[in-house]
Amino acid sequence: MHNRRHAQTGQRVKLNTHRWWRDAVIYQVYVRSFLDSTGDGIGDLAGVRAGLPYLKKLGVDGIWLSPFYPSPQHDHGYDVADYCDVDPLFGDLAEFELLMTDARRLGVKVLLDIVPNHCSSEHPWFQEALVSTPGSAARARFHFADGRGPDGAEPPNNWHAMFGGPAWSRVTEQDGTPGQWYLHMFTPEQPDLNWRNPEVGAHFDHALRFWLDRGVDGFRIDVAAGLYKHPDLPDSPDPEADARTRDSVNPLAWNQPEVHDVWRHWRSVCEEYTARDGRERLLVGEVSVPTAREHAQYVRHDELHQAFFFDLLSAPWNADAFRKVISEAMQDIAGTGSTVTWVLNNHDQVRTVTRYGELGTEGSGLGAARARAAALLMLALPGAAYIYQGEELGLPEVVDLPDDVLTDPIFRRTGSRARIRDGCRVPLPWSGHASPFGFTSGVESAKPWLPQPAYFAEYATDRALADTRSFWHLYRDGLQLRAGLPQLGEGALRWLDTQPGVLGFVRGDGLVCAVNFGTAPMPAPVSGTPLLSSGPCAPGVLPGSTAAWWISDCTNP
């Protein structure tokens, strides 16, 4: 422990020398699909509270809650109408307080998802802008602009939205005539805020403090490389790049230099609260930028504490590819003094079992084996790790949802199923042999908001806990071992000389991790019996699609 002087009282407050977030394992709770306490088929905060003992038993350090703020739910809460309240769909502020109380009692950190790039078209600010005139203060909070062409009938520039279609929509003015256009880099229901207007920053200062005053441990920041647009809003040389890749590619709309000033300010707000009680608050950003070096700029000592490193998630199942992205992250991101924040999945991506297996099936044995191996690899890497709900059950992607139940705005905007996200958001199975599999508390006839396939019975939580060979036990055992090695989240990493297709490294604390990316058995880099393995593993042999951990006293970086 060491002391820091309180900024206002001058008294000393104790700070932990170990900064919890540097090696934390956080569980992403997609609230509407976690556990339903009311029987309406939609998960809620009371359901999250009921599930906290399960997550404590799993061994995670904290949870990240998807948006539960008041919202018309056009993008499932990422279209926020009020940043300082709870949508009745998920509960109320009193229920949130109960959740925080239980989380503190169990020692589980709580992070909230905050969405500063855009708000809902039903946010009071945007509703005011719609009835205001061009050039008004209300419209200056957003990106309103006159159209091009003789009647202003063409959008102000050629940008396309990430979820498909033009990034601009035209409003009808109060006199009934076609009017200005407004920018929305996702959907028309999510107008982008204009962060060059100081009112916007002040609005989010208030929101941050509202939740920090209620005890939250930090924030996951949606679209953290967004916020600022090029001040001239010029045409893009590749206007459809964002929609084509479904990523933040347009250099005129994302990753503008001014955004770093926002994160410096938000960091100072968090530091203010830390100075009061010695409890560090965390900022972790959804940062999608082209290179690890640009990523590192967001986690400099006075900006975000961490930012998700998505390159591991997107890497093909290949030893050389994994080694390349891990090496770049360790060099560029860890070099800033932060730690890498590893992810294999989230609410926007195809689940790992399916991604590593064969798309179009409910998961293959190969996909499951690779997903288990990838989980051990991620948990062995220096830094923090985020686990998406259901990954600890080995859930596959639900790839055959009928069109009439799909809710993803990408499908509504494009009509294409190619990149829809509903399949990884199907409500979790908890128990039983038929839907709703215990997801809806006490109401067996209730229908979850997305239908659960019959085969989810094989992945139900009660079965996973009873089967020591399950994904759940692999995650739990990995998390327990990780917690018992105090340097596991920190320290050096040295690559080992291994057979082709095998990736192996040793850490400064003596932990050895090796993954066989091939299908044939290979010699293991360590001769003894593994401490933990993702599949059956004899001494000295590493089977195909398998990862293992050893503790070695003779291999030091």
Protein backbone atom coordinates (compact mmCIF):
# COMPACT_ATOMS: atom_id res chain seq x y z
CA MET A 1 0.00 0.00 0.00
CA HIS A 2 1.01 3.60 -0.45
CA ASN A 3 -0.66 6.91 0.29
CA ARG A 4 -2.05 9.71 -1.82
CA ARG A 5 -3.20 13.04 -0.44
CA HIS A 6 -6.92 13.74 -0.82
CA ALA A 7 -7.37 16.59 -3.30
CA GLN A 8 -9.84 18.50 -1.10
CA THR A 9 -9.23 17.53 2.54
CA GLY A 10 -5.49 17.06 2.42
CA GLN A 11 -5.85 13.75 4.27
CA ARG A 12 -4.03 10.65 3.11
CA VAL A 13 -6.00 7.84 1.50
CA LYS A 14 -4.53 4.40 1.01
CA LEU A 15 -4.08 3.08 -2.51
CA ASN A 16 -3.38 -0.52 -3.47
CA THR A 17 0.00 -0.91 -5.11
CA HIS A 18 -1.60 -3.61 -7.26
CA ARG A 19 -3.86 -1.90 -9.79
CA TRP A 20 -6.77 -4.34 -10.09
CA TRP A 21 -7.62 -3.55 -13.70
CA ARG A 22 -4.20 -4.43 -15.09
CA ASP A 23 -4.82 -8.18 -14.91
CA ALA A 24 -8.58 -8.29 -14.28
CA VAL A 25 -10.84 -10.82 -15.96
CA ILE A 26 -14.16 -9.14 -16.74
CA TYR A 27 -17.35 -10.94 -17.78
CA GLN A 28 -19.48 -9.14 -20.35
CA VAL A 29 -23.15 -9.29 -19.37
CA TYR A 30 -25.49 -8.67 -22.29
CA VAL A 31 -28.32 -7.77 -19.93
CA ARG A 32 -31.33 -8.57 -22.12
CA SER A 33 -30.01 -12.11 -22.71
CA PHE A 34 -28.54 -13.00 -19.31
CA LEU A 35 -31.44 -13.82 -16.97
CA ASP A 36 -35.07 -12.66 -16.91
CA SER A 37 -36.63 -12.09 -13.47
CA THR A 38 -40.07 -10.90 -14.60
CA GLY A 39 -41.16 -13.42 -17.23
CA ASP A 40 -41.39 -10.93 -20.07
CA GLY A 41 -38.70 -12.78 -22.03
CA ILE A 42 -36.09 -10.03 -21.63
CA GLY A 43 -33.19 -10.14 -19.18
CA ASP A 44 -33.01 -7.41 -16.55
CA LEU A 45 -30.95 -6.00 -13.69
CA ALA A 46 -32.65 -8.22 -11.11
CA GLY A 47 -31.62 -11.17 -13.27
CA VAL A 48 -28.03 -9.94 -13.26
CA ARG A 49 -28.18 -9.65 -9.49
CA ALA A 50 -29.51 -13.22 -9.22
CA GLY A 51 -26.63 -14.41 -11.40
CA LEU A 52 -23.85 -12.76 -9.41
CA PRO A 53 -23.12 -15.84 -7.24
CA TYR A 54 -22.72 -17.90 -10.42
CA LEU A 55 -20.19 -15.39 -11.77
CA LYS A 56 -18.38 -15.24 -8.43
CA LYS A 57 -18.12 -19.03 -8.49
CA LEU A 58 -16.74 -18.89 -12.03
CA GLY A 59 -14.00 -16.65 -10.69
CA VAL A 60 -14.23 -13.42 -12.67
CA ASP A 61 -13.12 -10.12 -11.15
CA GLY A 62 -15.92 -7.98 -12.48
CA ILE A 63 -18.76 -7.51 -14.93
CA TRP A 64 -19.42 -5.12 -17.79
CA LEU A 65 -23.13 -4.38 -18.25
CA SER A 66 -24.49 -3.60 -21.70
CA PRO A 67 -26.59 -0.39 -21.84
CA PHE A 68 -29.71 -0.48 -19.66
CA TYR A 69 -30.56 3.23 -19.98
CA PRO A 70 -33.93 4.48 -21.26
CA SER A 71 -33.98 3.74 -24.98
CA PRO A 72 -36.42 2.94 -27.79
CA GLN A 73 -34.18 -0.11 -28.36
CA HIS A 74 -33.62 0.42 -32.09
CA ASP A 75 -30.09 -0.90 -31.48
CA HIS A 76 -30.78 -2.70 -28.22
CA GLY A 77 -29.82 0.15 -25.92
CA TYR A 78 -26.96 1.63 -27.91
CA ASP A 79 -29.43 4.36 -28.85
CA VAL A 80 -29.64 6.15 -25.50
CA ALA A 81 -32.48 8.54 -24.71
CA ASP A 82 -31.38 9.33 -21.13
CA TYR A 83 -27.88 8.62 -19.81
CA CYS A 84 -28.85 8.97 -16.14
CA ASP A 85 -31.66 6.49 -15.55
CA VAL A 86 -32.73 2.87 -16.02
CA ASP A 87 -35.15 1.76 -18.71
CA PRO A 88 -38.26 0.19 -17.10
CA LEU A 89 -37.60 -2.78 -19.37
CA PHE A 90 -34.60 -3.60 -17.15
CA GLY A 91 -35.73 -2.30 -13.76
CA ASP A 92 -35.15 1.01 -12.02
CA LEU A 93 -32.51 2.90 -10.07
CA ALA A 94 -33.52 1.14 -6.86
CA GLU A 95 -32.82 -2.23 -8.48
CA PHE A 96 -29.49 -0.89 -9.73
CA GLU A 97 -28.57 0.11 -6.18
CA LEU A 98 -29.39 -3.43 -4.98
CA LEU A 99 -27.19 -4.84 -7.74
CA MET A 100 -24.32 -2.59 -6.68
CA THR A 101 -24.76 -3.60 -3.02
CA ASP A 102 -24.60 -7.30 -3.85
CA ALA A 103 -21.65 -6.82 -6.20
CA ARG A 104 -19.68 -4.99 -3.52
CA ARG A 105 -20.49 -7.69 -0.96
CA LEU A 106 -19.19 -10.37 -3.34
CA GLY A 107 -16.14 -8.36 -4.38
CA VAL A 108 -17.27 -8.09 -8.01
CA LYS A 109 -16.38 -4.89 -9.88
CA VAL A 110 -19.10 -3.26 -12.01
CA LEU A 111 -18.43 -1.44 -15.29
CA LEU A 112 -21.13 0.36 -17.24
CA ASP A 113 -21.32 0.72 -21.00
CA ILE A 114 -21.43 4.38 -22.03
CA VAL A 115 -22.21 5.56 -25.56
CA PRO A 116 -20.75 9.03 -26.27
CA ASN A 117 -20.51 8.98 -30.08
CA HIS A 118 -24.26 9.14 -30.67
CA CYS A 119 -27.55 9.18 -28.81
CA SER A 120 -31.12 8.18 -29.59
CA SER A 121 -33.27 10.14 -32.01
CA GLU A 122 -35.69 10.25 -29.06
CA HIS A 123 -33.16 11.99 -26.80
CA PRO A 124 -34.64 15.36 -25.70
CA TRP A 125 -31.75 17.17 -27.38
CA PHE A 126 -32.49 15.69 -30.78
CA GLN A 127 -36.21 16.22 -30.43
CA GLU A 128 -35.46 19.88 -29.70
CA ALA A 129 -33.19 20.04 -32.74
CA LEU A 130 -35.94 18.72 -35.01
CA VAL A 131 -38.27 21.60 -34.12
CA SER A 132 -35.50 24.21 -34.21
CA THR A 133 -34.26 26.18 -37.17
CA PRO A 134 -31.04 25.74 -39.17
CA GLY A 135 -28.11 27.31 -37.33
CA SER A 136 -29.80 27.05 -33.94
CA ALA A 137 -28.01 26.13 -30.74
CA ALA A 138 -30.07 22.93 -30.55
CA ARG A 139 -28.87 21.74 -33.95
CA ALA A 140 -25.27 22.69 -33.12
CA ARG A 141 -25.16 19.75 -30.69
CA PHE A 142 -25.34 17.43 -33.71
CA HIS A 143 -24.02 17.44 -37.27
CA PHE A 144 -26.75 19.25 -39.22
CA ALA A 145 -25.82 20.53 -42.67
CA ASP A 146 -27.42 21.76 -45.85
CA GLY A 147 -27.66 19.28 -48.69
CA ARG A 148 -25.86 19.51 -52.01
CA GLY A 149 -27.41 20.15 -55.39
CA PRO A 150 -29.81 22.85 -56.56
CA ASP A 151 -32.52 21.95 -54.03
CA GLY A 152 -30.25 20.53 -51.35
CA ALA A 153 -31.64 17.13 -52.26
CA GLU A 154 -28.29 15.33 -52.05
CA PRO A 155 -26.51 14.47 -48.77
CA PRO A 156 -23.78 16.87 -47.61
CA ASN A 157 -21.10 14.27 -48.38
CA ASN A 158 -20.78 10.72 -49.67
CA TRP A 159 -20.24 8.90 -46.37
CA HIS A 160 -22.04 5.61 -45.74
CA ALA A 161 -23.19 4.32 -42.37
CA MET A 162 -21.50 1.31 -40.81
CA PHE A 163 -24.84 -0.53 -40.64
CA GLY A 164 -25.61 0.13 -44.32
CA GLY A 165 -27.06 2.97 -46.40
CA PRO A 166 -26.18 6.67 -46.45
CA ALA A 167 -24.81 8.24 -43.27
CA TRP A 168 -27.20 11.18 -43.68
CA SER A 169 -30.96 11.60 -43.28
CA ARG A 170 -32.99 14.62 -44.29
CA VAL A 171 -35.46 16.26 -41.91
CA THR A 172 -38.72 17.99 -42.66
CA GLU A 173 -38.75 21.54 -41.32
CA GLN A 174 -41.60 22.98 -39.29
CA ASP A 175 -43.14 24.62 -42.37
CA GLY A 176 -43.38 21.22 -44.07
CA THR A 177 -40.53 21.75 -46.54
CA PRO A 178 -37.54 19.41 -46.99
CA GLY A 179 -34.80 20.70 -44.76
CA GLN A 180 -31.29 20.02 -43.55
CA TRP A 181 -29.57 16.69 -43.22
CA TYR A 182 -28.10 15.13 -40.05
CA LEU A 183 -25.23 12.69 -39.70
CA HIS A 184 -25.59 9.17 -38.28
CA MET A 185 -22.67 6.79 -38.70
CA PHE A 186 -24.81 3.81 -37.60
CA THR A 187 -28.58 4.22 -38.07
CA PRO A 188 -30.95 7.20 -38.52
CA GLU A 189 -32.19 6.48 -34.98
CA GLN A 190 -28.66 7.17 -33.68
CA PRO A 191 -27.67 10.74 -34.60
CA ASP A 192 -23.98 11.50 -34.05
CA LEU A 193 -23.22 14.10 -31.42
CA ASN A 194 -21.01 17.08 -32.28
CA TRP A 195 -18.16 16.95 -29.80
CA ARG A 196 -16.84 20.31 -31.02
CA ASN A 197 -19.76 21.79 -29.07
CA PRO A 198 -18.78 22.17 -25.38
CA GLU A 199 -22.34 21.39 -24.28
CA VAL A 200 -21.79 17.79 -25.36
CA GLY A 201 -18.74 17.31 -23.16
CA ALA A 202 -20.53 18.87 -20.20
CA HIS A 203 -23.50 16.53 -20.75
CA PHE A 204 -21.25 13.48 -20.45
CA ASP A 205 -19.38 14.92 -17.47
CA HIS A 206 -22.72 14.92 -15.70
CA ALA A 207 -23.45 11.34 -16.77
CA LEU A 208 -20.07 10.05 -15.63
CA ARG A 209 -20.43 11.64 -12.22
CA PHE A 210 -24.03 10.44 -11.87
CA TRP A 211 -22.91 6.81 -12.04
CA LEU A 212 -19.57 7.25 -10.27
CA ASP A 213 -21.50 8.74 -7.35
CA ARG A 214 -23.48 5.47 -7.29
CA GLY A 215 -20.36 3.41 -6.84
CA VAL A 216 -19.54 2.02 -10.27
CA ASP A 217 -15.95 0.93 -10.87
CA GLY A 218 -15.63 2.38 -14.36
CA PHE A 219 -16.88 2.44 -17.90
CA ARG A 220 -16.58 0.55 -21.14
CA ILE A 221 -16.67 3.27 -23.81
CA ASP A 222 -18.52 2.50 -27.01
CA VAL A 223 -16.89 3.66 -30.27
CA ALA A 224 -14.01 5.25 -28.37
CA ALA A 225 -12.16 6.14 -31.58
CA GLY A 226 -15.21 8.09 -32.73
CA LEU A 227 -16.74 11.32 -31.37
CA TYR A 228 -14.90 13.82 -33.56
CA LYS A 229 -15.36 14.11 -37.32
CA HIS A 230 -13.21 16.05 -39.76
CA PRO A 231 -14.36 19.67 -39.30
CA ASP A 232 -15.02 20.16 -43.03
CA LEU A 233 -16.96 16.88 -43.48
CA PRO A 234 -15.33 16.27 -46.90
CA ASP A 235 -16.09 13.38 -49.23
CA SER A 236 -14.38 10.08 -48.50
CA PRO A 237 -12.24 8.38 -51.17
CA ASP A 238 -13.88 5.07 -50.18
CA PRO A 239 -17.32 5.98 -48.80
CA GLU A 240 -18.58 2.40 -48.44
CA ALA A 241 -15.55 1.12 -46.51
CA ASP A 242 -17.27 1.21 -43.10
CA ALA A 243 -20.32 -0.68 -44.33
CA ARG A 244 -18.21 -3.16 -46.32
CA THR A 245 -15.94 -4.01 -43.39
CA ARG A 246 -18.39 -3.12 -40.60
CA ASP A 247 -15.49 -1.38 -38.96
CA SER A 248 -14.26 2.17 -38.30
CA VAL A 249 -12.34 2.60 -41.53
CA ASN A 250 -13.32 6.07 -42.79
CA PRO A 251 -10.35 8.24 -41.68
CA LEU A 252 -12.53 11.36 -41.85
CA ALA A 253 -15.11 10.06 -39.37
CA TRP A 254 -12.96 8.18 -36.87
CA ASN A 255 -9.69 8.44 -34.97
CA GLN A 256 -9.46 12.22 -35.13
CA PRO A 257 -6.67 13.70 -32.95
CA GLU A 258 -9.04 15.77 -30.81
CA VAL A 259 -10.59 12.64 -29.28
CA HIS A 260 -7.53 12.17 -27.09
CA ASP A 261 -8.37 15.37 -25.21
CA VAL A 262 -11.70 13.81 -24.21
CA TRP A 263 -10.02 10.74 -22.75
CA ARG A 264 -7.51 12.87 -20.87
CA HIS A 265 -10.39 14.74 -19.30
CA TRP A 266 -12.35 11.59 -18.48
CA ARG A 267 -9.21 10.10 -16.94
CA SER A 268 -8.91 13.16 -14.71
CA VAL A 269 -12.51 12.69 -13.58
CA CYS A 270 -11.78 9.08 -12.65
CA GLU A 271 -8.60 10.11 -10.85
CA GLU A 272 -10.62 12.63 -8.85
CA TYR A 273 -12.84 9.85 -7.52
CA THR A 274 -9.86 7.58 -6.89
CA ALA A 275 -8.24 10.32 -4.81
CA ARG A 276 -11.32 10.40 -2.58
CA ASP A 277 -11.29 6.79 -1.45
CA GLY A 278 -8.29 5.02 -2.98
CA ARG A 279 -10.48 2.84 -5.21
CA GLU A 280 -9.35 3.01 -8.83
CA ARG A 281 -11.97 3.59 -11.50
CA LEU A 282 -11.38 2.12 -14.94
CA LEU A 283 -11.87 3.43 -18.48
CA VAL A 284 -11.67 0.73 -21.15
CA GLY A 285 -12.33 1.75 -24.73
CA GLU A 286 -13.75 0.05 -27.77
CA VAL A 287 -10.93 1.24 -30.00
CA SER A 288 -10.92 0.05 -33.59
CA VAL A 289 -7.91 1.50 -35.40
CA PRO A 290 -5.68 0.10 -38.17
CA THR A 291 -2.53 -0.72 -36.18
CA ALA A 292 -1.38 -1.69 -32.71
CA ARG A 293 0.75 1.44 -32.68
CA GLU A 294 -2.32 3.69 -33.16
CA HIS A 295 -4.14 1.59 -30.57
CA ALA A 296 -1.34 2.31 -28.10
CA GLN A 297 -1.97 6.06 -28.37
CA TYR A 298 -5.29 5.59 -26.58
CA VAL A 299 -3.72 3.97 -23.51
CA ARG A 300 -1.01 6.47 -22.77
CA HIS A 301 -0.55 7.19 -19.07
CA ASP A 302 -3.05 10.07 -18.96
CA GLU A 303 -5.73 8.67 -21.29
CA LEU A 304 -7.72 5.43 -21.19
CA HIS A 305 -6.50 2.81 -18.77
CA GLN A 306 -7.10 0.11 -21.35
CA ALA A 307 -8.56 -0.51 -24.80
CA PHE A 308 -9.81 -3.76 -26.25
CA PHE A 309 -7.28 -5.40 -28.53
CA PHE A 310 -9.41 -6.89 -31.29
CA ASP A 311 -6.60 -8.29 -33.44
CA LEU A 312 -6.56 -11.53 -31.45
CA LEU A 313 -10.29 -11.92 -32.05
CA SER A 314 -9.92 -11.42 -35.79
CA ALA A 315 -6.77 -13.53 -36.24
CA PRO A 316 -7.20 -16.71 -38.32
CA TRP A 317 -6.55 -20.03 -36.57
CA ASN A 318 -2.87 -20.08 -37.38
CA ALA A 319 0.19 -20.11 -35.11
CA ASP A 320 2.07 -17.49 -37.13
CA ALA A 321 -0.93 -15.14 -37.20
CA PHE A 322 -1.46 -15.40 -33.43
CA ARG A 323 2.23 -14.89 -32.74
CA LYS A 324 2.31 -11.78 -34.92
CA VAL A 325 -0.63 -10.02 -33.26
CA ILE A 326 0.50 -10.97 -29.74
CA SER A 327 4.03 -9.70 -30.42
CA GLU A 328 2.76 -6.40 -31.80
CA ALA A 329 0.47 -5.89 -28.83
CA MET A 330 3.18 -6.65 -26.32
CA GLN A 331 5.59 -4.29 -28.04
CA ASP A 332 3.33 -1.34 -28.79
CA ILE A 333 0.60 -1.43 -26.13
CA ALA A 334 2.42 -2.84 -23.12
CA GLY A 335 5.23 -0.46 -23.99
CA THR A 336 3.00 2.47 -22.96
CA GLY A 337 2.87 1.21 -19.38
CA SER A 338 -0.67 -0.11 -19.79
CA THR A 339 -1.47 -3.79 -20.17
CA VAL A 340 -3.07 -5.43 -23.17
CA THR A 341 -6.81 -6.09 -22.95
CA TRP A 342 -7.41 -9.41 -24.71
CA VAL A 343 -10.75 -10.46 -26.18
CA LEU A 344 -11.90 -13.47 -28.18
CA ASN A 345 -15.57 -12.57 -28.51
CA ASN A 346 -18.26 -10.01 -27.72
CA HIS A 347 -21.89 -9.17 -28.52
CA ASP A 348 -20.98 -8.10 -32.08
CA GLN A 349 -19.06 -11.20 -33.19
CA VAL A 350 -19.70 -14.80 -34.22
CA ARG A 351 -19.14 -17.05 -31.21
CA THR A 352 -15.72 -18.70 -31.06
CA VAL A 353 -16.94 -22.31 -31.28
CA THR A 354 -18.57 -21.52 -34.62
CA ARG A 355 -15.92 -19.10 -35.82
CA TYR A 356 -13.17 -21.65 -35.30
CA GLY A 357 -15.27 -24.51 -36.67
CA GLU A 358 -17.65 -24.67 -39.56
CA LEU A 359 -20.17 -21.89 -40.09
CA GLY A 360 -23.64 -23.19 -40.78
CA THR A 361 -23.55 -25.87 -38.09
CA GLU A 362 -24.37 -25.74 -34.42
CA GLY A 363 -20.68 -26.09 -33.69
CA SER A 364 -18.22 -28.79 -34.59
CA GLY A 365 -15.86 -30.84 -32.47
CA LEU A 366 -12.98 -29.04 -34.13
CA GLY A 367 -14.47 -25.63 -33.37
CA ALA A 368 -15.05 -26.55 -29.74
CA ALA A 369 -11.50 -27.88 -29.33
CA ARG A 370 -10.02 -24.74 -30.84
CA ALA A 371 -12.23 -22.47 -28.73
CA ARG A 372 -11.10 -24.26 -25.58
CA ALA A 373 -7.45 -23.92 -26.61
CA ALA A 374 -7.90 -20.23 -27.45
CA ALA A 375 -9.46 -19.61 -24.04
CA LEU A 376 -6.42 -21.02 -22.24
CA LEU A 377 -4.09 -19.04 -24.48
CA MET A 378 -5.93 -15.78 -23.75
CA LEU A 379 -5.97 -16.40 -20.00
CA ALA A 380 -2.22 -17.08 -20.01
CA LEU A 381 -1.26 -13.87 -21.78
CA PRO A 382 0.01 -10.92 -19.72
CA GLY A 383 -2.72 -8.34 -19.26
CA ALA A 384 -6.48 -8.26 -18.77
CA ALA A 385 -9.09 -10.49 -20.39
CA TYR A 386 -12.78 -10.05 -21.20
CA ILE A 387 -15.14 -13.02 -21.52
CA TYR A 388 -18.44 -12.69 -23.37
CA GLN A 389 -21.36 -14.38 -21.63
CA GLY A 390 -21.97 -17.93 -22.84
CA GLU A 391 -18.39 -18.48 -23.95
CA GLU A 392 -17.80 -20.26 -20.64
CA LEU A 393 -20.55 -22.69 -21.71
CA GLY A 394 -19.11 -23.29 -25.17
CA LEU A 395 -22.26 -21.93 -26.80
CA PRO A 396 -22.23 -22.00 -30.60
CA GLU A 397 -23.62 -19.26 -32.81
CA VAL A 398 -27.31 -19.71 -33.63
CA VAL A 399 -27.09 -19.42 -37.41
CA ASP A 400 -30.62 -20.40 -38.47
CA LEU A 401 -32.85 -17.82 -36.80
CA PRO A 402 -35.85 -17.10 -39.05
CA ASP A 403 -35.97 -13.71 -40.74
CA ASP A 404 -39.13 -12.74 -38.89
CA VAL A 405 -37.42 -12.84 -35.47
CA LEU A 406 -34.25 -10.97 -36.41
CA THR A 407 -33.89 -7.64 -34.63
CA ASP A 408 -30.41 -6.48 -35.63
CA PRO A 409 -30.60 -3.06 -37.36
CA ILE A 410 -27.97 -4.31 -39.81
CA PHE A 411 -30.56 -6.75 -41.17
CA ARG A 412 -33.25 -4.07 -41.23
CA ARG A 413 -30.96 -1.68 -43.09
CA THR A 414 -29.41 -4.08 -45.59
CA GLY A 415 -31.67 -7.12 -45.81
CA SER A 416 -28.53 -9.23 -45.60
CA ARG A 417 -27.86 -11.94 -43.01
CA ALA A 418 -24.12 -11.88 -43.71
CA ARG A 419 -23.11 -9.78 -40.69
CA ILE A 420 -26.09 -9.94 -38.37
CA ARG A 421 -25.40 -10.17 -34.63
CA ASP A 422 -28.56 -11.83 -33.31
CA GLY A 423 -26.98 -15.29 -33.39
CA CYS A 424 -24.55 -14.53 -30.54
CA ARG A 425 -27.22 -12.72 -28.49
CA VAL A 426 -29.70 -15.58 -28.01
CA PRO A 427 -30.64 -15.78 -24.29
CA LEU A 428 -28.52 -18.07 -22.14
CA PRO A 429 -29.72 -21.57 -21.19
CA TRP A 430 -29.62 -22.14 -17.44
CA SER A 431 -31.47 -25.41 -16.80
CA GLY A 432 -34.00 -27.89 -18.11
CA HIS A 433 -34.56 -29.64 -21.43
CA ALA A 434 -36.71 -27.16 -23.35
CA SER A 435 -36.91 -23.41 -23.94
CA PRO A 436 -36.79 -21.11 -22.04
CA PHE A 437 -34.18 -23.28 -20.25
CA GLY A 438 -34.57 -21.43 -16.97
CA PHE A 439 -33.87 -18.07 -18.59
CA THR A 440 -37.28 -16.69 -17.61
CA SER A 441 -37.67 -17.02 -13.87
CA GLY A 442 -40.78 -18.95 -12.78
CA VAL A 443 -42.61 -18.63 -16.09
CA GLU A 444 -41.94 -21.73 -18.17
CA SER A 445 -44.39 -20.65 -20.87
CA ALA A 446 -42.66 -17.32 -21.47
CA LYS A 447 -40.88 -16.85 -24.78
CA PRO A 448 -37.37 -15.37 -24.76
CA TRP A 449 -36.96 -12.31 -26.98
CA LEU A 450 -34.95 -14.46 -29.39
CA PRO A 451 -35.83 -18.16 -29.75
CA GLN A 452 -33.45 -20.68 -28.23
CA PRO A 453 -32.72 -23.80 -30.30
CA ALA A 454 -33.50 -27.21 -28.81
CA TYR A 455 -29.82 -28.15 -28.75
CA PHE A 456 -29.18 -25.42 -26.14
CA ALA A 457 -30.18 -28.08 -23.60
CA GLU A 458 -26.71 -29.60 -24.07
CA TYR A 459 -25.10 -26.32 -23.00
CA ALA A 460 -27.29 -25.41 -20.02
CA THR A 461 -25.46 -24.07 -17.01
CA ASP A 462 -26.65 -26.83 -14.66
CA ARG A 463 -25.18 -29.47 -16.97
CA ALA A 464 -21.95 -27.52 -17.39
CA LEU A 465 -21.41 -27.28 -13.64
CA ALA A 466 -22.05 -31.00 -13.21
CA ASP A 467 -19.61 -32.06 -15.96
CA THR A 468 -15.97 -31.59 -14.96
CA ARG A 469 -14.96 -31.84 -18.64
CA SER A 470 -17.12 -28.87 -19.66
CA PHE A 471 -16.06 -25.48 -20.96
CA TRP A 472 -17.25 -24.03 -17.65
CA HIS A 473 -14.79 -26.06 -15.61
CA LEU A 474 -11.97 -25.23 -18.02
CA TYR A 475 -12.64 -21.51 -17.57
CA ARG A 476 -13.09 -21.86 -13.81
CA ASP A 477 -9.86 -23.87 -13.43
CA GLY A 478 -7.95 -21.41 -15.61
CA LEU A 479 -9.26 -18.47 -13.62
CA GLN A 480 -8.37 -20.11 -10.30
CA LEU A 481 -4.82 -20.85 -11.44
CA ARG A 482 -4.50 -17.36 -12.84
CA ALA A 483 -5.57 -15.86 -9.51
CA GLY A 484 -3.00 -18.00 -7.71
CA LEU A 485 -0.12 -16.66 -9.80
CA PRO A 486 0.18 -13.02 -8.74
CA GLN A 487 2.30 -12.04 -11.74
CA LEU A 488 0.07 -13.68 -14.33
CA GLY A 489 -1.32 -10.42 -15.62
CA GLU A 490 2.04 -8.69 -15.78
CA GLY A 491 5.61 -9.39 -16.75
CA ALA A 492 7.71 -10.48 -19.67
CA LEU A 493 6.98 -13.02 -22.36
CA ARG A 494 9.53 -15.02 -24.34
CA TRP A 495 8.68 -17.17 -27.32
CA LEU A 496 9.89 -20.76 -27.24
CA ASP A 497 11.38 -22.74 -30.09
CA THR A 498 8.62 -25.13 -31.08
CA GLN A 499 7.55 -27.39 -33.91
CA PRO A 500 5.79 -25.80 -36.92
CA GLY A 501 2.17 -25.07 -36.06
CA VAL A 502 2.87 -24.93 -32.33
CA LEU A 503 2.95 -21.63 -30.46
CA GLY A 504 4.71 -21.59 -27.10
CA PHE A 505 5.88 -18.96 -24.67
CA VAL A 506 7.20 -18.68 -21.15
CA ARG A 507 6.50 -15.86 -18.76
CA GLY A 508 8.78 -14.35 -16.17
CA ASP A 509 6.93 -16.16 -13.39
CA GLY A 510 7.71 -19.53 -15.00
CA LEU A 511 4.32 -20.16 -16.58
CA VAL A 512 4.64 -21.95 -19.91
CA CYS A 513 1.74 -21.99 -22.36
CA ALA A 514 1.74 -23.89 -25.63
CA VAL A 515 -0.94 -24.30 -28.30
CA ASN A 516 -0.96 -26.84 -31.10
CA PHE A 517 -2.79 -25.16 -33.97
CA GLY A 518 -2.54 -28.26 -36.14
CA THR A 519 -4.49 -31.50 -35.97
CA ALA A 520 -1.61 -33.98 -35.45
CA PRO A 521 0.10 -34.49 -32.05
CA MET A 522 3.38 -32.62 -31.55
CA PRO A 523 6.14 -32.74 -28.94
CA ALA A 524 5.35 -30.48 -26.00
CA PRO A 525 7.88 -27.79 -25.07
CA VAL A 526 7.89 -29.07 -21.47
CA SER A 527 8.26 -32.73 -20.52
CA GLY A 528 6.15 -32.90 -17.38
CA THR A 529 2.44 -33.36 -16.88
CA PRO A 530 0.53 -30.16 -17.70
CA LEU A 531 -0.85 -28.06 -14.89
CA LEU A 532 -3.96 -27.54 -17.03
CA SER A 533 -4.89 -28.47 -20.57
CA SER A 534 -7.83 -27.81 -22.86
CA GLY A 535 -8.09 -31.51 -23.71
CA PRO A 536 -6.53 -34.87 -22.77
CA CYS A 537 -2.78 -34.35 -22.75
CA ALA A 538 -0.10 -36.93 -21.92
CA PRO A 539 3.33 -35.87 -20.63
CA GLY A 540 5.61 -34.68 -23.41
CA VAL A 541 2.88 -34.68 -26.08
CA LEU A 542 0.62 -31.84 -27.20
CA PRO A 543 -2.38 -33.15 -29.18
CA GLY A 544 -3.83 -31.23 -32.11
CA SER A 545 -6.09 -28.25 -31.37
CA THR A 546 -4.99 -28.29 -27.74
CA ALA A 547 -3.44 -25.79 -25.32
CA ALA A 548 -1.68 -26.57 -22.07
CA TRP A 549 -0.04 -24.80 -19.14
CA TRP A 550 3.03 -25.86 -17.19
CA ILE A 551 5.08 -24.25 -14.46
CA SER A 552 8.78 -24.46 -15.22
CA ASP A 553 11.66 -23.50 -12.93
CA CYS A 554 14.29 -23.82 -15.62
CA THR A 555 13.02 -21.52 -18.34
CA ASN A 556 13.39 -17.83 -17.54
CA PRO A 557 13.06 -14.97 -20.00
